[in-house]
Amino acid sequence: MSLKPLFILPLLAAPVLATPVLAGSLDSTPVEQRPAAPVVSVAPPAASTDWTGASLGLQLGSGTSEYDENEGGGVYGLRGTYDRDYGDWVAGGVLDYQGTDLELDDGSNMDSMAKLGGRLGYDRGNALYYGSAGYAHATTDDSDSSDGYFVGVGVETYVAPNVTLNGEVSYNVFEDFDDTDLEVGATTATLGVNYRF
């Protein structure tokens, strides 16, 4: 028996035995795709509004004095402000004139109030939250008058590029109507529309 076929047999069997090792496609194995992380959209901060400048506005509301036996009276008038924006804070001055019809202790009515004061506010972009205080002067339908003071709180907000709306509650004190002992405390609540220059 010749040994030559025995040597050839392993050579012929090698490719068959190696097949499991080389089995499979020559293409690269696909990589499993992970789902992409969702993109989170972060809203930009509210645009800051510059409150520096003057404004002129109209007011309408109601008021009551400590002597009103009914539901109080109407309040209407003009308001002017000048403000300076310091970033988060706004400081300025306010001048307003209000016609009123509030009852007083002696049977007369408060006819008008004029106010001059300052205000300090917190800037929240398109909205300004503020407090105000200062000098006030009132007259009656009997031509009496009294000096006094006022304190108030309010909010003003932009509704158009140069137009704001505001709401304000104010407490007004008058202690001396033409050297009488008449002392009056009056609360007013007004809504206003303003044009800012």
C-alpha atoms as a PDB file:
ATOM      1  CA  MET A   1       0.000   0.000   0.000  1.00  0.00           C
ATOM      2  CA  SER A   2       1.323   3.419  -0.990  1.00  0.00           C
ATOM      3  CA  LEU A   3       1.664   6.171   1.608  1.00  0.00           C
ATOM      4  CA  LYS A   4       1.057   8.906  -0.950  1.00  0.00           C
ATOM      5  CA  PRO A   5      -2.771   8.800  -0.586  1.00  0.00           C
ATOM      6  CA  LEU A   6      -2.369   9.053   3.175  1.00  0.00           C
ATOM      7  CA  PHE A   7      -0.434  12.305   2.848  1.00  0.00           C
ATOM      8  CA  ILE A   8      -2.957  13.711   0.424  1.00  0.00           C
ATOM      9  CA  LEU A   9      -5.919  12.880   2.646  1.00  0.00           C
ATOM     10  CA  PRO A  10      -5.073  15.463   5.349  1.00  0.00           C
ATOM     11  CA  LEU A  11      -4.481  18.086   2.703  1.00  0.00           C
ATOM     12  CA  LEU A  12      -7.870  17.427   1.205  1.00  0.00           C
ATOM     13  CA  ALA A  13      -9.587  17.379   4.599  1.00  0.00           C
ATOM     14  CA  ALA A  14      -8.053  20.672   5.816  1.00  0.00           C
ATOM     15  CA  PRO A  15     -10.394  23.001   3.903  1.00  0.00           C
ATOM     16  CA  VAL A  16     -13.425  21.024   5.079  1.00  0.00           C
ATOM     17  CA  LEU A  17     -12.312  21.069   8.710  1.00  0.00           C
ATOM     18  CA  ALA A  18     -11.519  24.770   8.539  1.00  0.00           C
ATOM     19  CA  THR A  19     -14.908  25.693   7.146  1.00  0.00           C
ATOM     20  CA  PRO A  20     -16.599  26.340  10.517  1.00  0.00           C
ATOM     21  CA  VAL A  21     -13.816  28.769  11.424  1.00  0.00           C
ATOM     22  CA  LEU A  22     -14.180  30.682   8.186  1.00  0.00           C
ATOM     23  CA  ALA A  23     -17.947  30.379   7.966  1.00  0.00           C
ATOM     24  CA  GLY A  24     -20.026  33.512   7.521  1.00  0.00           C
ATOM     25  CA  SER A  25     -20.047  36.485   5.238  1.00  0.00           C
ATOM     26  CA  LEU A  26     -17.018  38.588   4.534  1.00  0.00           C
ATOM     27  CA  ASP A  27     -19.218  41.650   5.071  1.00  0.00           C
ATOM     28  CA  SER A  28     -18.736  43.434   8.402  1.00  0.00           C
ATOM     29  CA  THR A  29     -21.206  42.539  11.112  1.00  0.00           C
ATOM     30  CA  PRO A  30     -23.866  45.263  11.390  1.00  0.00           C
ATOM     31  CA  VAL A  31     -23.632  47.314  14.580  1.00  0.00           C
ATOM     32  CA  GLU A  32     -26.868  47.595  16.499  1.00  0.00           C
ATOM     33  CA  GLN A  33     -28.066  51.222  16.319  1.00  0.00           C
ATOM     34  CA  ARG A  34     -29.059  52.797  19.613  1.00  0.00           C
ATOM     35  CA  PRO A  35     -31.981  55.210  19.505  1.00  0.00           C
ATOM     36  CA  ALA A  36     -30.846  58.824  19.439  1.00  0.00           C
ATOM     37  CA  ALA A  37     -31.380  60.815  22.613  1.00  0.00           C
ATOM     38  CA  PRO A  38     -34.285  63.256  22.265  1.00  0.00           C
ATOM     39  CA  VAL A  39     -33.252  66.838  21.644  1.00  0.00           C
ATOM     40  CA  VAL A  40     -34.528  69.046  24.457  1.00  0.00           C
ATOM     41  CA  SER A  41     -35.370  72.565  23.370  1.00  0.00           C
ATOM     42  CA  VAL A  42     -34.628  75.143  26.053  1.00  0.00           C
ATOM     43  CA  ALA A  43     -36.601  78.360  25.727  1.00  0.00           C
ATOM     44  CA  PRO A  44     -34.436  81.462  25.803  1.00  0.00           C
ATOM     45  CA  PRO A  45     -34.927  83.800  28.772  1.00  0.00           C
ATOM     46  CA  ALA A  46     -37.563  86.504  28.400  1.00  0.00           C
ATOM     47  CA  ALA A  47     -36.266  89.488  26.518  1.00  0.00           C
ATOM     48  CA  SER A  48     -35.440  92.343  28.813  1.00  0.00           C
ATOM     49  CA  THR A  49     -37.331  95.580  28.214  1.00  0.00           C
ATOM     50  CA  ASP A  50     -35.701  98.943  28.774  1.00  0.00           C
ATOM     51  CA  TRP A  51     -38.032 100.995  30.998  1.00  0.00           C
ATOM     52  CA  THR A  52     -35.948 104.170  30.733  1.00  0.00           C
ATOM     53  CA  GLY A  53     -38.011 107.115  29.510  1.00  0.00           C
ATOM     54  CA  ALA A  54     -41.191 109.114  30.021  1.00  0.00           C
ATOM     55  CA  SER A  55     -44.820 108.064  29.735  1.00  0.00           C
ATOM     56  CA  LEU A  56     -48.213 109.768  29.664  1.00  0.00           C
ATOM     57  CA  GLY A  57     -51.442 107.948  30.444  1.00  0.00           C
ATOM     58  CA  LEU A  58     -55.133 107.964  31.327  1.00  0.00           C
ATOM     59  CA  GLN A  59     -56.585 106.414  34.511  1.00  0.00           C
ATOM     60  CA  LEU A  60     -60.018 105.175  35.427  1.00  0.00           C
ATOM     61  CA  GLY A  61     -61.144 103.497  38.630  1.00  0.00           C
ATOM     62  CA  SER A  62     -62.963 103.841  41.904  1.00  0.00           C
ATOM     63  CA  GLY A  63     -62.276 104.957  45.441  1.00  0.00           C
ATOM     64  CA  THR A  64     -63.698 105.085  48.899  1.00  0.00           C
ATOM     65  CA  SER A  65     -63.095 107.246  51.933  1.00  0.00           C
ATOM     66  CA  GLU A  66     -63.603 106.258  55.538  1.00  0.00           C
ATOM     67  CA  TYR A  67     -66.755 108.407  55.536  1.00  0.00           C
ATOM     68  CA  ASP A  68     -68.432 106.901  52.483  1.00  0.00           C
ATOM     69  CA  GLU A  69     -71.808 105.477  53.423  1.00  0.00           C
ATOM     70  CA  ASN A  70     -72.386 104.111  49.944  1.00  0.00           C
ATOM     71  CA  GLU A  71     -70.019 102.226  47.654  1.00  0.00           C
ATOM     72  CA  GLY A  72     -67.576 105.066  47.138  1.00  0.00           C
ATOM     73  CA  GLY A  73     -67.112 107.126  44.015  1.00  0.00           C
ATOM     74  CA  GLY A  74     -65.388 107.227  40.671  1.00  0.00           C
ATOM     75  CA  VAL A  75     -61.782 108.186  40.021  1.00  0.00           C
ATOM     76  CA  TYR A  76     -60.411 109.397  36.665  1.00  0.00           C
ATOM     77  CA  GLY A  77     -57.381 111.345  35.603  1.00  0.00           C
ATOM     78  CA  LEU A  78     -54.006 111.769  33.927  1.00  0.00           C
ATOM     79  CA  ARG A  79     -50.666 110.271  34.917  1.00  0.00           C
ATOM     80  CA  GLY A  80     -47.110 111.011  33.870  1.00  0.00           C
ATOM     81  CA  THR A  81     -43.959 109.101  34.810  1.00  0.00           C
ATOM     82  CA  TYR A  82     -40.261 109.175  34.140  1.00  0.00           C
ATOM     83  CA  ASP A  83     -38.237 106.026  34.861  1.00  0.00           C
ATOM     84  CA  ARG A  84     -34.643 104.892  34.692  1.00  0.00           C
ATOM     85  CA  ASP A  85     -33.829 101.204  34.186  1.00  0.00           C
ATOM     86  CA  TYR A  86     -30.913  99.854  36.260  1.00  0.00           C
ATOM     87  CA  GLY A  87     -31.178  96.210  35.178  1.00  0.00           C
ATOM     88  CA  ASP A  88     -33.316  94.297  37.659  1.00  0.00           C
ATOM     89  CA  TRP A  89     -34.522  97.533  39.277  1.00  0.00           C
ATOM     90  CA  VAL A  90     -36.293 100.591  37.914  1.00  0.00           C
ATOM     91  CA  ALA A  91     -36.500 103.929  39.761  1.00  0.00           C
ATOM     92  CA  GLY A  92     -38.470 106.976  38.735  1.00  0.00           C
ATOM     93  CA  GLY A  93     -40.971 109.674  39.499  1.00  0.00           C
ATOM     94  CA  VAL A  94     -44.731 109.931  39.088  1.00  0.00           C
ATOM     95  CA  LEU A  95     -47.080 112.909  38.771  1.00  0.00           C
ATOM     96  CA  ASP A  96     -50.829 112.438  38.496  1.00  0.00           C
ATOM     97  CA  TYR A  97     -54.068 114.309  38.774  1.00  0.00           C
ATOM     98  CA  GLN A  98     -57.332 112.543  39.648  1.00  0.00           C
ATOM     99  CA  GLY A  99     -60.866 113.825  39.703  1.00  0.00           C
ATOM    100  CA  THR A 100     -62.894 112.157  42.477  1.00  0.00           C
ATOM    101  CA  ASP A 101     -66.292 112.150  44.140  1.00  0.00           C
ATOM    102  CA  LEU A 102     -65.591 110.788  47.622  1.00  0.00           C
ATOM    103  CA  GLU A 103     -67.687 111.717  50.658  1.00  0.00           C
ATOM    104  CA  LEU A 104     -66.121 113.601  53.570  1.00  0.00           C
ATOM    105  CA  ASP A 105     -67.208 113.876  57.195  1.00  0.00           C
ATOM    106  CA  ASP A 106     -68.601 117.418  56.937  1.00  0.00           C
ATOM    107  CA  GLY A 107     -71.005 116.577  54.096  1.00  0.00           C
ATOM    108  CA  SER A 108     -68.744 117.840  51.338  1.00  0.00           C
ATOM    109  CA  ASN A 109     -67.040 115.724  48.677  1.00  0.00           C
ATOM    110  CA  MET A 110     -63.406 115.392  47.760  1.00  0.00           C
ATOM    111  CA  ASP A 111     -63.256 116.916  44.294  1.00  0.00           C
ATOM    112  CA  SER A 112     -59.671 116.146  43.209  1.00  0.00           C
ATOM    113  CA  MET A 113     -56.295 114.765  44.226  1.00  0.00           C
ATOM    114  CA  ALA A 114     -52.889 115.709  42.849  1.00  0.00           C
ATOM    115  CA  LYS A 115     -49.845 113.549  43.626  1.00  0.00           C
ATOM    116  CA  LEU A 116     -46.101 113.908  43.184  1.00  0.00           C
ATOM    117  CA  GLY A 117     -43.818 111.109  44.290  1.00  0.00           C
ATOM    118  CA  GLY A 118     -41.332 108.430  43.444  1.00  0.00           C
ATOM    119  CA  ARG A 119     -41.583 104.792  42.549  1.00  0.00           C
ATOM    120  CA  LEU A 120     -39.250 101.833  42.743  1.00  0.00           C
ATOM    121  CA  GLY A 121     -39.937  98.703  40.740  1.00  0.00           C
ATOM    122  CA  TYR A 122     -38.667  95.204  40.001  1.00  0.00           C
ATOM    123  CA  ASP A 123     -38.092  94.610  36.280  1.00  0.00           C
ATOM    124  CA  ARG A 124     -39.492  91.273  35.058  1.00  0.00           C
ATOM    125  CA  GLY A 125     -38.952  91.878  31.348  1.00  0.00           C
ATOM    126  CA  ASN A 126     -42.260  93.072  29.943  1.00  0.00           C
ATOM    127  CA  ALA A 127     -43.727  93.634  33.428  1.00  0.00           C
ATOM    128  CA  LEU A 128     -42.740  96.076  36.158  1.00  0.00           C
ATOM    129  CA  TYR A 129     -43.894  95.484  39.758  1.00  0.00           C
ATOM    130  CA  TYR A 130     -43.552  98.684  41.770  1.00  0.00           C
ATOM    131  CA  GLY A 131     -44.267 100.579  44.936  1.00  0.00           C
ATOM    132  CA  SER A 132     -44.827 104.334  45.058  1.00  0.00           C
ATOM    133  CA  ALA A 133     -45.071 107.060  47.696  1.00  0.00           C
ATOM    134  CA  GLY A 134     -44.988 110.821  48.005  1.00  0.00           C
ATOM    135  CA  TYR A 135     -46.807 114.104  48.486  1.00  0.00           C
ATOM    136  CA  ALA A 136     -50.542 114.508  47.822  1.00  0.00           C
ATOM    137  CA  HIS A 137     -52.904 117.479  47.744  1.00  0.00           C
ATOM    138  CA  ALA A 138     -56.718 117.292  47.813  1.00  0.00           C
ATOM    139  CA  THR A 139     -59.497 119.800  47.215  1.00  0.00           C
ATOM    140  CA  THR A 140     -63.198 119.628  48.037  1.00  0.00           C
ATOM    141  CA  ASP A 141     -66.292 120.880  46.236  1.00  0.00           C
ATOM    142  CA  ASP A 142     -66.391 123.620  48.933  1.00  0.00           C
ATOM    143  CA  SER A 143     -62.960 124.859  47.762  1.00  0.00           C
ATOM    144  CA  ASP A 144     -61.235 123.600  50.914  1.00  0.00           C
ATOM    145  CA  SER A 145     -57.887 121.926  50.479  1.00  0.00           C
ATOM    146  CA  SER A 146     -55.395 119.792  52.399  1.00  0.00           C
ATOM    147  CA  ASP A 147     -51.868 118.526  52.023  1.00  0.00           C
ATOM    148  CA  GLY A 148     -51.113 114.879  52.706  1.00  0.00           C
ATOM    149  CA  TYR A 149     -49.293 111.825  51.445  1.00  0.00           C
ATOM    150  CA  PHE A 150     -49.903 108.620  49.531  1.00  0.00           C
ATOM    151  CA  VAL A 151     -48.454 105.117  49.319  1.00  0.00           C
ATOM    152  CA  GLY A 152     -49.297 102.604  46.623  1.00  0.00           C
ATOM    153  CA  VAL A 153     -48.432  99.372  44.839  1.00  0.00           C
ATOM    154  CA  GLY A 154     -48.963  98.457  41.221  1.00  0.00           C
ATOM    155  CA  VAL A 155     -47.917  96.579  38.111  1.00  0.00           C
ATOM    156  CA  GLU A 156     -47.303  97.901  34.607  1.00  0.00           C
ATOM    157  CA  THR A 157     -46.918  95.684  31.532  1.00  0.00           C
ATOM    158  CA  TYR A 158     -46.221  96.184  27.841  1.00  0.00           C
ATOM    159  CA  VAL A 159     -49.025  95.248  25.432  1.00  0.00           C
ATOM    160  CA  ALA A 160     -47.432  96.883  22.341  1.00  0.00           C
ATOM    161  CA  PRO A 161     -43.988  98.381  21.616  1.00  0.00           C
ATOM    162  CA  ASN A 162     -44.862 101.787  23.125  1.00  0.00           C
ATOM    163  CA  VAL A 163     -48.080 101.021  25.002  1.00  0.00           C
ATOM    164  CA  THR A 164     -48.469  99.728  28.573  1.00  0.00           C
ATOM    165  CA  LEU A 165     -51.364  98.916  30.856  1.00  0.00           C
ATOM    166  CA  ASN A 166     -51.116  99.417  34.601  1.00  0.00           C
ATOM    167  CA  GLY A 167     -53.135  98.685  37.701  1.00  0.00           C
ATOM    168  CA  GLU A 168     -52.520 100.435  41.005  1.00  0.00           C
ATOM    169  CA  VAL A 169     -53.977 100.550  44.504  1.00  0.00           C
ATOM    170  CA  SER A 170     -53.175 103.651  46.530  1.00  0.00           C
ATOM    171  CA  TYR A 171     -53.882 104.780  50.096  1.00  0.00           C
ATOM    172  CA  ASN A 172     -54.113 108.570  50.531  1.00  0.00           C
ATOM    173  CA  VAL A 173     -54.142 110.518  53.802  1.00  0.00           C
ATOM    174  CA  PHE A 174     -55.162 114.179  54.230  1.00  0.00           C
ATOM    175  CA  GLU A 175     -54.997 115.671  57.724  1.00  0.00           C
ATOM    176  CA  ASP A 176     -55.855 119.352  57.578  1.00  0.00           C
ATOM    177  CA  PHE A 177     -58.552 120.792  55.323  1.00  0.00           C
ATOM    178  CA  ASP A 178     -58.137 124.574  55.690  1.00  0.00           C
ATOM    179  CA  ASP A 179     -57.176 124.451  59.368  1.00  0.00           C
ATOM    180  CA  THR A 180     -60.042 122.178  60.405  1.00  0.00           C
ATOM    181  CA  ASP A 181     -59.649 118.967  62.303  1.00  0.00           C
ATOM    182  CA  LEU A 182     -60.988 116.931  59.374  1.00  0.00           C
ATOM    183  CA  GLU A 183     -58.717 113.978  58.664  1.00  0.00           C
ATOM    184  CA  VAL A 184     -59.465 111.749  55.675  1.00  0.00           C
ATOM    185  CA  GLY A 185     -58.106 108.415  54.590  1.00  0.00           C
ATOM    186  CA  ALA A 186     -59.065 107.387  51.061  1.00  0.00           C
ATOM    187  CA  THR A 187     -58.253 104.251  49.075  1.00  0.00           C
ATOM    188  CA  THR A 188     -58.271 104.297  45.275  1.00  0.00           C
ATOM    189  CA  ALA A 189     -57.898 101.521  42.707  1.00  0.00           C
ATOM    190  CA  THR A 190     -57.217 102.476  39.105  1.00  0.00           C
ATOM    191  CA  LEU A 191     -56.492 100.925  35.725  1.00  0.00           C
ATOM    192  CA  GLY A 192     -54.525 102.918  33.193  1.00  0.00           C
ATOM    193  CA  VAL A 193     -53.272 102.909  29.625  1.00  0.00           C
ATOM    194  CA  ASN A 194     -49.982 104.685  28.938  1.00  0.00           C
ATOM    195  CA  TYR A 195     -47.909 105.731  25.956  1.00  0.00           C
ATOM    196  CA  ARG A 196     -44.174 105.420  26.605  1.00  0.00           C
ATOM    197  CA  PHE A 197     -41.875 107.800  24.734  1.00  0.00           C
END
